[in-house]
Amino acid sequence: MSKKILLTGAGGMLAQDTVAVLQPCFEVIPRREEELDICNSEAVHAAICSLKPDVVVNCAAYTLVDACETEQEKAFAVNAVGVKHLARACRKAGSLLVHISTDYVFDGTKQAPYTETDIPHLLSV
């Protein structure tokens, strides 16, 4: 039996490429923002509890880099609070969460690849 993968942010370019790579090997359930708003805690918990995915791949993000500076609350809601909702729902359901982030949280001065434990040096909101 193949693993079931819930993929958020399915309307974006990253998600579309990710679906194309995963779909031949896994049962992929893509969800666009209109279908699953990760900023809505109840919707996230309901979706993950009902679909029971083995893995949730989060491709949802507020990616308008310049707009993040003027729409800070919206950027934080999607890129931080929404991810918190996914993490909590995944923990409750026993699903693995894969979160894809941006390189904009680092200044690029490290001489080696960045890891999850590196301290961010934010370049923007």
PDB file of N, CA and C in Angstrom:
ATOM      1  N   MET A   1       0.849  -1.177   0.000  1.00  0.00           N
ATOM      2  CA  MET A   1       0.000   0.000   0.000  1.00  0.00           C
ATOM      3  C   MET A   1       0.900   1.248   0.000  1.00  0.00           C
ATOM      4  N   SER A   2       0.592   2.201  -0.865  1.00  0.00           N
ATOM      5  CA  SER A   2       1.419   3.401  -0.943  1.00  0.00           C
ATOM      6  C   SER A   2       1.055   4.369   0.168  1.00  0.00           C
ATOM      7  N   LYS A   3       2.006   5.185   0.521  1.00  0.00           N
ATOM      8  CA  LYS A   3       1.793   6.208   1.541  1.00  0.00           C
ATOM      9  C   LYS A   3       0.834   7.267   1.010  1.00  0.00           C
ATOM     10  N   LYS A   4       0.027   7.799   1.917  1.00  0.00           N
ATOM     11  CA  LYS A   4      -0.910   8.869   1.583  1.00  0.00           C
ATOM     12  C   LYS A   4      -0.276  10.191   1.992  1.00  0.00           C
ATOM     13  N   ILE A   5      -0.172  11.120   1.028  1.00  0.00           N
ATOM     14  CA  ILE A   5       0.463  12.413   1.270  1.00  0.00           C
ATOM     15  C   ILE A   5      -0.533  13.532   1.012  1.00  0.00           C
ATOM     16  N   LEU A   6      -0.774  14.340   2.028  1.00  0.00           N
ATOM     17  CA  LEU A   6      -1.571  15.552   1.890  1.00  0.00           C
ATOM     18  C   LEU A   6      -0.607  16.685   1.563  1.00  0.00           C
ATOM     19  N   LEU A   7      -0.867  17.380   0.460  1.00  0.00           N
ATOM     20  CA  LEU A   7       0.000  18.454   0.033  1.00  0.00           C
ATOM     21  C   LEU A   7      -0.770  19.765   0.065  1.00  0.00           C
ATOM     22  N   THR A   8      -0.317  20.705   0.895  1.00  0.00           N
ATOM     23  CA  THR A   8      -0.984  21.998   1.015  1.00  0.00           C
ATOM     24  C   THR A   8      -0.369  23.001   0.045  1.00  0.00           C
ATOM     25  N   GLY A   9      -1.118  24.052  -0.241  1.00  0.00           N
ATOM     26  CA  GLY A   9      -0.626  25.077  -1.153  1.00  0.00           C
ATOM     27  C   GLY A   9      -0.510  24.583  -2.579  1.00  0.00           C
ATOM     28  N   ALA A  10      -1.434  23.697  -2.976  1.00  0.00           N
ATOM     29  CA  ALA A  10      -1.329  23.011  -4.261  1.00  0.00           C
ATOM     30  C   ALA A  10      -1.446  23.918  -5.480  1.00  0.00           C
ATOM     31  N   GLY A  11      -1.826  25.184  -5.294  1.00  0.00           N
ATOM     32  CA  GLY A  11      -1.934  26.097  -6.420  1.00  0.00           C
ATOM     33  C   GLY A  11      -0.613  26.713  -6.840  1.00  0.00           C
ATOM     34  N   GLY A  12       0.417  26.553  -6.026  1.00  0.00           N
ATOM     35  CA  GLY A  12       1.703  27.184  -6.315  1.00  0.00           C
ATOM     36  C   GLY A  12       2.607  26.346  -7.190  1.00  0.00           C
ATOM     37  N   MET A  13       3.643  26.995  -7.713  1.00  0.00           N
ATOM     38  CA  MET A  13       4.585  26.309  -8.611  1.00  0.00           C
ATOM     39  C   MET A  13       5.351  25.192  -7.902  1.00  0.00           C
ATOM     40  N   LEU A  14       5.815  25.447  -6.678  1.00  0.00           N
ATOM     41  CA  LEU A  14       6.544  24.426  -5.935  1.00  0.00           C
ATOM     42  C   LEU A  14       5.671  23.194  -5.732  1.00  0.00           C
ATOM     43  N   ALA A  15       4.423  23.420  -5.347  1.00  0.00           N
ATOM     44  CA  ALA A  15       3.510  22.300  -5.106  1.00  0.00           C
ATOM     45  C   ALA A  15       3.236  21.515  -6.379  1.00  0.00           C
ATOM     46  N   GLN A  16       3.055  22.215  -7.484  1.00  0.00           N
ATOM     47  CA  GLN A  16       2.774  21.522  -8.738  1.00  0.00           C
ATOM     48  C   GLN A  16       3.947  20.635  -9.142  1.00  0.00           C
ATOM     49  N   ASP A  17       5.163  21.128  -8.968  1.00  0.00           N
ATOM     50  CA  ASP A  17       6.343  20.310  -9.252  1.00  0.00           C
ATOM     51  C   ASP A  17       6.458  19.149  -8.272  1.00  0.00           C
ATOM     52  N   THR A  18       6.130  19.391  -7.008  1.00  0.00           N
ATOM     53  CA  THR A  18       6.198  18.349  -5.987  1.00  0.00           C
ATOM     54  C   THR A  18       5.185  17.245  -6.269  1.00  0.00           C
ATOM     55  N   VAL A  19       3.971  17.623  -6.649  1.00  0.00           N
ATOM     56  CA  VAL A  19       2.943  16.634  -7.000  1.00  0.00           C
ATOM     57  C   VAL A  19       3.429  15.784  -8.163  1.00  0.00           C
ATOM     58  N   ALA A  20       4.011  16.396  -9.166  1.00  0.00           N
ATOM     59  CA  ALA A  20       4.478  15.657 -10.342  1.00  0.00           C
ATOM     60  C   ALA A  20       5.532  14.612  -9.971  1.00  0.00           C
ATOM     61  N   VAL A  21       6.377  14.951  -8.997  1.00  0.00           N
ATOM     62  CA  VAL A  21       7.417  14.015  -8.565  1.00  0.00           C
ATOM     63  C   VAL A  21       6.839  12.901  -7.691  1.00  0.00           C
ATOM     64  N   LEU A  22       5.915  13.252  -6.800  1.00  0.00           N
ATOM     65  CA  LEU A  22       5.399  12.281  -5.830  1.00  0.00           C
ATOM     66  C   LEU A  22       4.315  11.367  -6.381  1.00  0.00           C
ATOM     67  N   GLN A  23       3.479  11.889  -7.287  1.00  0.00           N
ATOM     68  CA  GLN A  23       2.284  11.159  -7.702  1.00  0.00           C
ATOM     69  C   GLN A  23       2.547   9.769  -8.292  1.00  0.00           C
ATOM     70  N   PRO A  24       3.627   9.557  -9.018  1.00  0.00           N
ATOM     71  CA  PRO A  24       3.825   8.197  -9.534  1.00  0.00           C
ATOM     72  C   PRO A  24       4.037   7.134  -8.448  1.00  0.00           C
ATOM     73  N   CYS A  25       4.486   7.559  -7.280  1.00  0.00           N
ATOM     74  CA  CYS A  25       4.849   6.596  -6.233  1.00  0.00           C
ATOM     75  C   CYS A  25       3.931   6.614  -5.012  1.00  0.00           C
ATOM     76  N   PHE A  26       3.164   7.689  -4.846  1.00  0.00           N
ATOM     77  CA  PHE A  26       2.369   7.855  -3.638  1.00  0.00           C
ATOM     78  C   PHE A  26       0.961   8.315  -3.979  1.00  0.00           C
ATOM     79  N   GLU A  27       0.048   8.116  -3.042  1.00  0.00           N
ATOM     80  CA  GLU A  27      -1.289   8.677  -3.163  1.00  0.00           C
ATOM     81  C   GLU A  27      -1.209  10.118  -2.675  1.00  0.00           C
ATOM     82  N   VAL A  28      -1.259  11.060  -3.593  1.00  0.00           N
ATOM     83  CA  VAL A  28      -1.113  12.480  -3.255  1.00  0.00           C
ATOM     84  C   VAL A  28      -2.482  13.142  -3.261  1.00  0.00           C
ATOM     85  N   ILE A  29      -2.770  13.849  -2.182  1.00  0.00           N
ATOM     86  CA  ILE A  29      -4.027  14.589  -2.045  1.00  0.00           C
ATOM     87  C   ILE A  29      -3.666  16.071  -2.035  1.00  0.00           C
ATOM     88  N   PRO A  30      -3.700  16.716  -3.199  1.00  0.00           N
ATOM     89  CA  PRO A  30      -3.350  18.135  -3.240  1.00  0.00           C
ATOM     90  C   PRO A  30      -4.513  19.007  -2.791  1.00  0.00           C
ATOM     91  N   ARG A  31      -4.211  20.026  -2.002  1.00  0.00           N
ATOM     92  CA  ARG A  31      -5.237  20.961  -1.537  1.00  0.00           C
ATOM     93  C   ARG A  31      -4.764  22.379  -1.790  1.00  0.00           C
ATOM     94  N   ARG A  32      -5.555  23.115  -2.566  1.00  0.00           N
ATOM     95  CA  ARG A  32      -5.308  24.534  -2.815  1.00  0.00           C
ATOM     96  C   ARG A  32      -5.780  25.331  -1.603  1.00  0.00           C
ATOM     97  N   GLU A  33      -5.390  26.599  -1.542  1.00  0.00           N
ATOM     98  CA  GLU A  33      -5.779  27.451  -0.418  1.00  0.00           C
ATOM     99  C   GLU A  33      -7.298  27.499  -0.255  1.00  0.00           C
ATOM    100  N   GLU A  34      -8.032  27.523  -1.370  1.00  0.00           N
ATOM    101  CA  GLU A  34      -9.495  27.576  -1.298  1.00  0.00           C
ATOM    102  C   GLU A  34     -10.084  26.312  -0.667  1.00  0.00           C
ATOM    103  N   GLU A  35      -9.358  25.214  -0.765  1.00  0.00           N
ATOM    104  CA  GLU A  35      -9.821  23.938  -0.228  1.00  0.00           C
ATOM    105  C   GLU A  35      -9.355  23.700   1.204  1.00  0.00           C
ATOM    106  N   LEU A  36      -8.195  24.244   1.546  1.00  0.00           N
ATOM    107  CA  LEU A  36      -7.650  24.092   2.895  1.00  0.00           C
ATOM    108  C   LEU A  36      -6.807  25.307   3.236  1.00  0.00           C
ATOM    109  N   ASP A  37      -7.385  26.205   4.007  1.00  0.00           N
ATOM    110  CA  ASP A  37      -6.688  27.405   4.463  1.00  0.00           C
ATOM    111  C   ASP A  37      -5.927  27.040   5.732  1.00  0.00           C
ATOM    112  N   ILE A  38      -4.605  26.988   5.641  1.00  0.00           N
ATOM    113  CA  ILE A  38      -3.831  26.557   6.809  1.00  0.00           C
ATOM    114  C   ILE A  38      -3.899  27.545   7.960  1.00  0.00           C
ATOM    115  N   CYS A  39      -4.408  28.744   7.721  1.00  0.00           N
ATOM    116  CA  CYS A  39      -4.587  29.725   8.799  1.00  0.00           C
ATOM    117  C   CYS A  39      -5.809  29.418   9.654  1.00  0.00           C
ATOM    118  N   ASN A  40      -6.641  28.497   9.199  1.00  0.00           N
ATOM    119  CA  ASN A  40      -7.851  28.106   9.908  1.00  0.00           C
ATOM    120  C   ASN A  40      -7.577  26.812  10.677  1.00  0.00           C
ATOM    121  N   SER A  41      -7.345  26.950  11.968  1.00  0.00           N
ATOM    122  CA  SER A  41      -6.963  25.810  12.802  1.00  0.00           C
ATOM    123  C   SER A  41      -7.984  24.676  12.738  1.00  0.00           C
ATOM    124  N   GLU A  42      -9.266  25.018  12.835  1.00  0.00           N
ATOM    125  CA  GLU A  42     -10.305  23.983  12.803  1.00  0.00           C
ATOM    126  C   GLU A  42     -10.315  23.241  11.477  1.00  0.00           C
ATOM    127  N   ALA A  43     -10.152  23.967  10.372  1.00  0.00           N
ATOM    128  CA  ALA A  43     -10.138  23.335   9.051  1.00  0.00           C
ATOM    129  C   ALA A  43      -8.932  22.412   8.899  1.00  0.00           C
ATOM    130  N   VAL A  44      -7.796  22.842   9.401  1.00  0.00           N
ATOM    131  CA  VAL A  44      -6.584  22.023   9.323  1.00  0.00           C
ATOM    132  C   VAL A  44      -6.762  20.742  10.119  1.00  0.00           C
ATOM    133  N   HIS A  45      -7.227  20.864  11.350  1.00  0.00           N
ATOM    134  CA  HIS A  45      -7.429  19.673  12.178  1.00  0.00           C
ATOM    135  C   HIS A  45      -8.462  18.736  11.555  1.00  0.00           C
ATOM    136  N   ALA A  46      -9.539  19.285  11.035  1.00  0.00           N
ATOM    137  CA  ALA A  46     -10.587  18.456  10.422  1.00  0.00           C
ATOM    138  C   ALA A  46     -10.048  17.712   9.200  1.00  0.00           C
ATOM    139  N   ALA A  47      -9.302  18.412   8.360  1.00  0.00           N
ATOM    140  CA  ALA A  47      -8.769  17.781   7.146  1.00  0.00           C
ATOM    141  C   ALA A  47      -7.796  16.661   7.485  1.00  0.00           C
ATOM    142  N   ILE A  48      -6.884  16.929   8.396  1.00  0.00           N
ATOM    143  CA  ILE A  48      -5.875  15.924   8.732  1.00  0.00           C
ATOM    144  C   ILE A  48      -6.501  14.748   9.463  1.00  0.00           C
ATOM    145  N   CYS A  49      -7.453  15.015  10.336  1.00  0.00           N
ATOM    146  CA  CYS A  49      -8.114  13.911  11.052  1.00  0.00           C
ATOM    147  C   CYS A  49      -8.974  13.068  10.114  1.00  0.00           C
ATOM    148  N   SER A  50      -9.623  13.684   9.127  1.00  0.00           N
ATOM    149  CA  SER A  50     -10.482  12.916   8.236  1.00  0.00           C
ATOM    150  C   SER A  50      -9.693  12.198   7.138  1.00  0.00           C
ATOM    151  N   LEU A  51      -8.657  12.838   6.609  1.00  0.00           N
ATOM    152  CA  LEU A  51      -7.881  12.227   5.529  1.00  0.00           C
ATOM    153  C   LEU A  51      -6.853  11.221   6.051  1.00  0.00           C
ATOM    154  N   LYS A  52      -6.407  11.402   7.276  1.00  0.00           N
ATOM    155  CA  LYS A  52      -5.414  10.526   7.903  1.00  0.00           C
ATOM    156  C   LYS A  52      -4.187  10.280   7.005  1.00  0.00           C
ATOM    157  N   PRO A  53      -3.527  11.365   6.601  1.00  0.00           N
ATOM    158  CA  PRO A  53      -2.344  11.173   5.751  1.00  0.00           C
ATOM    159  C   PRO A  53      -1.166  10.647   6.555  1.00  0.00           C
ATOM    160  N   ASP A  54      -0.316   9.886   5.889  1.00  0.00           N
ATOM    161  CA  ASP A  54       0.929   9.455   6.522  1.00  0.00           C
ATOM    162  C   ASP A  54       1.878  10.640   6.637  1.00  0.00           C
ATOM    163  N   VAL A  55       1.828  11.493   5.612  1.00  0.00           N
ATOM    164  CA  VAL A  55       2.731  12.642   5.521  1.00  0.00           C
ATOM    165  C   VAL A  55       1.933  13.857   5.065  1.00  0.00           C
ATOM    166  N   VAL A  56       2.255  15.019   5.622  1.00  0.00           N
ATOM    167  CA  VAL A  56       1.728  16.296   5.133  1.00  0.00           C
ATOM    168  C   VAL A  56       2.928  17.077   4.613  1.00  0.00           C
ATOM    169  N   VAL A  57       2.894  17.454   3.339  1.00  0.00           N
ATOM    170  CA  VAL A  57       3.939  18.279   2.748  1.00  0.00           C
ATOM    171  C   VAL A  57       3.365  19.684   2.621  1.00  0.00           C
ATOM    172  N   ASN A  58       3.945  20.615   3.355  1.00  0.00           N
ATOM    173  CA  ASN A  58       3.442  21.985   3.345  1.00  0.00           C
ATOM    174  C   ASN A  58       4.172  22.817   2.310  1.00  0.00           C
ATOM    175  N   CYS A  59       3.462  23.123   1.222  1.00  0.00           N
ATOM    176  CA  CYS A  59       3.976  24.041   0.203  1.00  0.00           C
ATOM    177  C   CYS A  59       3.240  25.372   0.265  1.00  0.00           C
ATOM    178  N   ALA A  60       2.348  25.519   1.241  1.00  0.00           N
ATOM    179  CA  ALA A  60       1.609  26.775   1.394  1.00  0.00           C
ATOM    180  C   ALA A  60       2.524  27.818   2.009  1.00  0.00           C
ATOM    181  N   ALA A  61       2.496  29.013   1.443  1.00  0.00           N
ATOM    182  CA  ALA A  61       3.326  30.097   1.968  1.00  0.00           C
ATOM    183  C   ALA A  61       2.875  31.418   1.374  1.00  0.00           C
ATOM    184  N   TYR A  62       3.141  32.468   2.113  1.00  0.00           N
ATOM    185  CA  TYR A  62       2.956  33.814   1.585  1.00  0.00           C
ATOM    186  C   TYR A  62       4.289  34.182   0.972  1.00  0.00           C
ATOM    187  N   THR A  63       4.369  34.155  -0.353  1.00  0.00           N
ATOM    188  CA  THR A  63       5.660  34.227  -1.038  1.00  0.00           C
ATOM    189  C   THR A  63       5.940  35.548  -1.740  1.00  0.00           C
ATOM    190  N   LEU A  64       5.063  36.510  -1.600  1.00  0.00           N
ATOM    191  CA  LEU A  64       5.313  37.816  -2.223  1.00  0.00           C
ATOM    192  C   LEU A  64       6.283  38.586  -1.335  1.00  0.00           C
ATOM    193  N   VAL A  65       7.559  38.414  -1.603  1.00  0.00           N
ATOM    194  CA  VAL A  65       8.608  38.899  -0.702  1.00  0.00           C
ATOM    195  C   VAL A  65       8.455  40.390  -0.392  1.00  0.00           C
ATOM    196  N   ASP A  66       8.266  41.208  -1.395  1.00  0.00           N
ATOM    197  CA  ASP A  66       8.135  42.649  -1.153  1.00  0.00           C
ATOM    198  C   ASP A  66       6.853  42.967  -0.384  1.00  0.00           C
ATOM    199  N   ALA A  67       5.757  42.272  -0.706  1.00  0.00           N
ATOM    200  CA  ALA A  67       4.483  42.512  -0.026  1.00  0.00           C
ATOM    201  C   ALA A  67       4.546  42.092   1.443  1.00  0.00           C
ATOM    202  N   CYS A  68       5.401  41.152   1.763  1.00  0.00           N
ATOM    203  CA  CYS A  68       5.546  40.735   3.167  1.00  0.00           C
ATOM    204  C   CYS A  68       5.927  41.916   4.058  1.00  0.00           C
ATOM    205  N   GLU A  69       6.656  42.848   3.512  1.00  0.00           N
ATOM    206  CA  GLU A  69       7.084  44.007   4.296  1.00  0.00           C
ATOM    207  C   GLU A  69       5.912  44.915   4.654  1.00  0.00           C
ATOM    208  N   THR A  70       4.910  44.986   3.793  1.00  0.00           N
ATOM    209  CA  THR A  70       3.753  45.854   4.061  1.00  0.00           C
ATOM    210  C   THR A  70       2.561  45.072   4.596  1.00  0.00           C
ATOM    211  N   GLU A  71       2.543  43.776   4.365  1.00  0.00           N
ATOM    212  CA  GLU A  71       1.454  42.921   4.848  1.00  0.00           C
ATOM    213  C   GLU A  71       2.006  41.913   5.853  1.00  0.00           C
ATOM    214  N   GLN A  72       2.638  42.451   6.884  1.00  0.00           N
ATOM    215  CA  GLN A  72       3.347  41.610   7.846  1.00  0.00           C
ATOM    216  C   GLN A  72       2.432  40.643   8.577  1.00  0.00           C
ATOM    217  N   GLU A  73       1.239  41.082   8.949  1.00  0.00           N
ATOM    218  CA  GLU A  73       0.311  40.197   9.672  1.00  0.00           C
ATOM    219  C   GLU A  73      -0.107  39.020   8.813  1.00  0.00           C
ATOM    220  N   LYS A  74      -0.409  39.277   7.552  1.00  0.00           N
ATOM    221  CA  LYS A  74      -0.797  38.193   6.647  1.00  0.00           C
ATOM    222  C   LYS A  74       0.363  37.223   6.438  1.00  0.00           C
ATOM    223  N   ALA A  75       1.557  37.756   6.238  1.00  0.00           N
ATOM    224  CA  ALA A  75       2.734  36.913   6.044  1.00  0.00           C
ATOM    225  C   ALA A  75       2.972  36.029   7.270  1.00  0.00           C
ATOM    226  N   PHE A  76       2.870  36.620   8.468  1.00  0.00           N
ATOM    227  CA  PHE A  76       3.079  35.860   9.700  1.00  0.00           C
ATOM    228  C   PHE A  76       1.987  34.800   9.882  1.00  0.00           C
ATOM    229  N   ALA A  77       0.752  35.166   9.535  1.00  0.00           N
ATOM    230  CA  ALA A  77      -0.361  34.214   9.678  1.00  0.00           C
ATOM    231  C   ALA A  77      -0.129  32.968   8.835  1.00  0.00           C
ATOM    232  N   VAL A  78       0.295  33.147   7.610  1.00  0.00           N
ATOM    233  CA  VAL A  78       0.503  31.997   6.721  1.00  0.00           C
ATOM    234  C   VAL A  78       1.805  31.282   7.030  1.00  0.00           C
ATOM    235  N   ASN A  79       2.890  32.036   7.145  1.00  0.00           N
ATOM    236  CA  ASN A  79       4.219  31.433   7.237  1.00  0.00           C
ATOM    237  C   ASN A  79       4.623  30.977   8.630  1.00  0.00           C
ATOM    238  N   ALA A  80       3.875  31.371   9.645  1.00  0.00           N
ATOM    239  CA  ALA A  80       4.197  30.948  11.011  1.00  0.00           C
ATOM    240  C   ALA A  80       2.996  30.284  11.676  1.00  0.00           C
ATOM    241  N   VAL A  81       1.908  31.013  11.817  1.00  0.00           N
ATOM    242  CA  VAL A  81       0.744  30.468  12.527  1.00  0.00           C
ATOM    243  C   VAL A  81       0.144  29.275  11.777  1.00  0.00           C
ATOM    244  N   GLY A  82       0.032  29.388  10.457  1.00  0.00           N
ATOM    245  CA  GLY A  82      -0.498  28.275   9.675  1.00  0.00           C
ATOM    246  C   GLY A  82       0.336  27.010   9.830  1.00  0.00           C
ATOM    247  N   VAL A  83       1.644  27.192   9.856  1.00  0.00           N
ATOM    248  CA  VAL A  83       2.549  26.046  10.038  1.00  0.00           C
ATOM    249  C   VAL A  83       2.365  25.445  11.432  1.00  0.00           C
ATOM    250  N   LYS A  84       2.130  26.296  12.424  1.00  0.00           N
ATOM    251  CA  LYS A  84       1.858  25.799  13.784  1.00  0.00           C
ATOM    252  C   LYS A  84       0.599  24.925  13.785  1.00  0.00           C
ATOM    253  N   HIS A  85      -0.445  25.381  13.082  1.00  0.00           N
ATOM    254  CA  HIS A  85      -1.671  24.578  13.001  1.00  0.00           C
ATOM    255  C   HIS A  85      -1.392  23.213  12.371  1.00  0.00           C
ATOM    256  N   LEU A  86      -0.613  23.210  11.303  1.00  0.00           N
ATOM    257  CA  LEU A  86      -0.266  21.941  10.648  1.00  0.00           C
ATOM    258  C   LEU A  86       0.527  21.035  11.584  1.00  0.00           C
ATOM    259  N   ALA A  87       1.500  21.605  12.273  1.00  0.00           N
ATOM    260  CA  ALA A  87       2.345  20.810  13.173  1.00  0.00           C
ATOM    261  C   ALA A  87       1.524  20.185  14.294  1.00  0.00           C
ATOM    262  N   ARG A  88       0.638  20.970  14.883  1.00  0.00           N
ATOM    263  CA  ARG A  88      -0.181  20.440  15.975  1.00  0.00           C
ATOM    264  C   ARG A  88      -1.141  19.354  15.492  1.00  0.00           C
ATOM    265  N   ALA A  89      -1.756  19.576  14.328  1.00  0.00           N
ATOM    266  CA  ALA A  89      -2.684  18.575  13.791  1.00  0.00           C
ATOM    267  C   ALA A  89      -1.937  17.305  13.409  1.00  0.00           C
ATOM    268  N   CYS A  90      -0.753  17.453  12.841  1.00  0.00           N
ATOM    269  CA  CYS A  90       0.049  16.277  12.477  1.00  0.00           C
ATOM    270  C   CYS A  90       0.457  15.489  13.715  1.00  0.00           C
ATOM    271  N   ARG A  91       0.857  16.198  14.750  1.00  0.00           N
ATOM    272  CA  ARG A  91       1.239  15.513  15.988  1.00  0.00           C
ATOM    273  C   ARG A  91       0.057  14.718  16.529  1.00  0.00           C
ATOM    274  N   LYS A  92      -1.108  15.337  16.535  1.00  0.00           N
ATOM    275  CA  LYS A  92      -2.314  14.678  17.045  1.00  0.00           C
ATOM    276  C   LYS A  92      -2.684  13.451  16.209  1.00  0.00           C
ATOM    277  N   ALA A  93      -2.524  13.551  14.889  1.00  0.00           N
ATOM    278  CA  ALA A  93      -2.910  12.464  13.991  1.00  0.00           C
ATOM    279  C   ALA A  93      -1.804  11.436  13.773  1.00  0.00           C
ATOM    280  N   GLY A  94      -0.598  11.738  14.225  1.00  0.00           N
ATOM    281  CA  GLY A  94       0.524  10.827  13.998  1.00  0.00           C
ATOM    282  C   GLY A  94       1.077  10.917  12.588  1.00  0.00           C
ATOM    283  N   SER A  95       0.848  12.038  11.919  1.00  0.00           N
ATOM    284  CA  SER A  95       1.359  12.258  10.560  1.00  0.00           C
ATOM    285  C   SER A  95       2.706  12.968  10.625  1.00  0.00           C
ATOM    286  N   LEU A  96       3.553  12.681   9.676  1.00  0.00           N
ATOM    287  CA  LEU A  96       4.832  13.360   9.557  1.00  0.00           C
ATOM    288  C   LEU A  96       4.606  14.664   8.802  1.00  0.00           C
ATOM    289  N   LEU A  97       5.196  15.755   9.270  1.00  0.00           N
ATOM    290  CA  LEU A  97       5.090  17.044   8.593  1.00  0.00           C
ATOM    291  C   LEU A  97       6.412  17.374   7.912  1.00  0.00           C
ATOM    292  N   VAL A  98       6.336  17.652   6.621  1.00  0.00           N
ATOM    293  CA  VAL A  98       7.480  18.134   5.862  1.00  0.00           C
ATOM    294  C   VAL A  98       7.166  19.578   5.498  1.00  0.00           C
ATOM    295  N   HIS A  99       7.968  20.503   6.006  1.00  0.00           N
ATOM    296  CA  HIS A  99       7.740  21.931   5.758  1.00  0.00           C
ATOM    297  C   HIS A  99       8.862  22.462   4.882  1.00  0.00           C
ATOM    298  N   ILE A 100       8.482  23.044   3.766  1.00  0.00           N
ATOM    299  CA  ILE A 100       9.464  23.607   2.853  1.00  0.00           C
ATOM    300  C   ILE A 100       9.500  25.111   3.099  1.00  0.00           C
ATOM    301  N   SER A 101      10.677  25.626   3.379  1.00  0.00           N
ATOM    302  CA  SER A 101      10.815  27.029   3.729  1.00  0.00           C
ATOM    303  C   SER A 101      11.620  27.766   2.671  1.00  0.00           C
ATOM    304  N   THR A 102      11.888  29.008   2.926  1.00  0.00           N
ATOM    305  CA  THR A 102      12.621  29.869   2.004  1.00  0.00           C
ATOM    306  C   THR A 102      14.035  30.113   2.495  1.00  0.00           C
ATOM    307  N   ASP A 103      14.876  30.498   1.580  1.00  0.00           N
ATOM    308  CA  ASP A 103      16.241  30.859   1.968  1.00  0.00           C
ATOM    309  C   ASP A 103      16.318  32.290   2.487  1.00  0.00           C
ATOM    310  N   TYR A 104      15.207  33.019   2.476  1.00  0.00           N
ATOM    311  CA  TYR A 104      15.214  34.406   2.923  1.00  0.00           C
ATOM    312  C   TYR A 104      15.375  34.548   4.439  1.00  0.00           C
ATOM    313  N   VAL A 105      15.370  33.455   5.177  1.00  0.00           N
ATOM    314  CA  VAL A 105      15.577  33.564   6.624  1.00  0.00           C
ATOM    315  C   VAL A 105      17.059  33.578   6.983  1.00  0.00           C
ATOM    316  N   PHE A 106      17.911  33.396   5.986  1.00  0.00           N
ATOM    317  CA  PHE A 106      19.346  33.399   6.234  1.00  0.00           C
ATOM    318  C   PHE A 106      20.018  34.465   5.370  1.00  0.00           C
ATOM    319  N   ASP A 107      21.120  34.991   5.868  1.00  0.00           N
ATOM    320  CA  ASP A 107      21.807  36.072   5.151  1.00  0.00           C
ATOM    321  C   ASP A 107      22.797  35.576   4.105  1.00  0.00           C
ATOM    322  N   GLY A 108      23.020  34.264   4.044  1.00  0.00           N
ATOM    323  CA  GLY A 108      23.899  33.708   3.017  1.00  0.00           C
ATOM    324  C   GLY A 108      25.371  33.751   3.337  1.00  0.00           C
ATOM    325  N   THR A 109      25.730  34.093   4.552  1.00  0.00           N
ATOM    326  CA  THR A 109      27.148  34.212   4.886  1.00  0.00           C
ATOM    327  C   THR A 109      27.768  32.900   5.377  1.00  0.00           C
ATOM    328  N   LYS A 110      26.954  31.923   5.722  1.00  0.00           N
ATOM    329  CA  LYS A 110      27.494  30.646   6.200  1.00  0.00           C
ATOM    330  C   LYS A 110      28.221  29.945   5.050  1.00  0.00           C
ATOM    331  N   GLN A 111      29.341  29.339   5.360  1.00  0.00           N
ATOM    332  CA  GLN A 111      30.162  28.693   4.332  1.00  0.00           C
ATOM    333  C   GLN A 111      29.807  27.222   4.134  1.00  0.00           C
ATOM    334  N   ALA A 112      28.707  26.772   4.732  1.00  0.00           N
ATOM    335  CA  ALA A 112      28.256  25.387   4.605  1.00  0.00           C
ATOM    336  C   ALA A 112      26.736  25.401   4.463  1.00  0.00           C
ATOM    337  N   PRO A 113      26.132  24.271   4.098  1.00  0.00           N
ATOM    338  CA  PRO A 113      24.660  24.242   3.985  1.00  0.00           C
ATOM    339  C   PRO A 113      23.993  24.563   5.323  1.00  0.00           C
ATOM    340  N   TYR A 114      22.866  25.241   5.261  1.00  0.00           N
ATOM    341  CA  TYR A 114      22.099  25.556   6.464  1.00  0.00           C
ATOM    342  C   TYR A 114      21.321  24.333   6.925  1.00  0.00           C
ATOM    343  N   THR A 115      21.078  24.256   8.240  1.00  0.00           N
ATOM    344  CA  THR A 115      20.305  23.160   8.815  1.00  0.00           C
ATOM    345  C   THR A 115      19.125  23.730   9.591  1.00  0.00           C
ATOM    346  N   GLU A 116      18.246  22.860  10.033  1.00  0.00           N
ATOM    347  CA  GLU A 116      17.066  23.274  10.790  1.00  0.00           C
ATOM    348  C   GLU A 116      17.434  23.929  12.115  1.00  0.00           C
ATOM    349  N   THR A 117      18.598  23.660  12.628  1.00  0.00           N
ATOM    350  CA  THR A 117      18.994  24.195  13.935  1.00  0.00           C
ATOM    351  C   THR A 117      19.785  25.497  13.843  1.00  0.00           C
ATOM    352  N   ASP A 118      20.088  25.952  12.633  1.00  0.00           N
ATOM    353  CA  ASP A 118      20.796  27.227  12.484  1.00  0.00           C
ATOM    354  C   ASP A 118      19.908  28.382  12.933  1.00  0.00           C
ATOM    355  N   ILE A 119      20.520  29.377  13.544  1.00  0.00           N
ATOM    356  CA  ILE A 119      19.796  30.573  13.971  1.00  0.00           C
ATOM    357  C   ILE A 119      19.559  31.459  12.748  1.00  0.00           C
ATOM    358  N   PRO A 120      18.297  31.824  12.479  1.00  0.00           N
ATOM    359  CA  PRO A 120      18.031  32.685  11.318  1.00  0.00           C
ATOM    360  C   PRO A 120      18.649  34.076  11.484  1.00  0.00           C
ATOM    361  N   HIS A 121      19.038  34.634  10.378  1.00  0.00           N
ATOM    362  CA  HIS A 121      19.484  36.014  10.282  1.00  0.00           C
ATOM    363  C   HIS A 121      18.586  36.637   9.230  1.00  0.00           C
ATOM    364  N   LEU A 122      17.432  37.102   9.664  1.00  0.00           N
ATOM    365  CA  LEU A 122      16.390  37.534   8.749  1.00  0.00           C
ATOM    366  C   LEU A 122      16.824  38.696   7.876  1.00  0.00           C
ATOM    367  N   LEU A 123      16.504  38.580   6.580  1.00  0.00           N
ATOM    368  CA  LEU A 123      16.770  39.643   5.631  1.00  0.00           C
ATOM    369  C   LEU A 123      15.532  40.489   5.405  1.00  0.00           C
ATOM    370  N   SER A 124      14.388  39.926   5.754  1.00  0.00           N
ATOM    371  CA  SER A 124      13.123  40.637   5.575  1.00  0.00           C
ATOM    372  C   SER A 124      12.089  39.991   6.488  1.00  0.00           C
ATOM    373  N   VAL A 125      10.886  40.558   6.483  1.00  0.00           N
ATOM    374  CA  VAL A 125       9.803  39.980   7.277  1.00  0.00           C
ATOM    375  C   VAL A 125       9.493  38.599   6.767  1.00  0.00           C
TER     376      VAL A 125
END
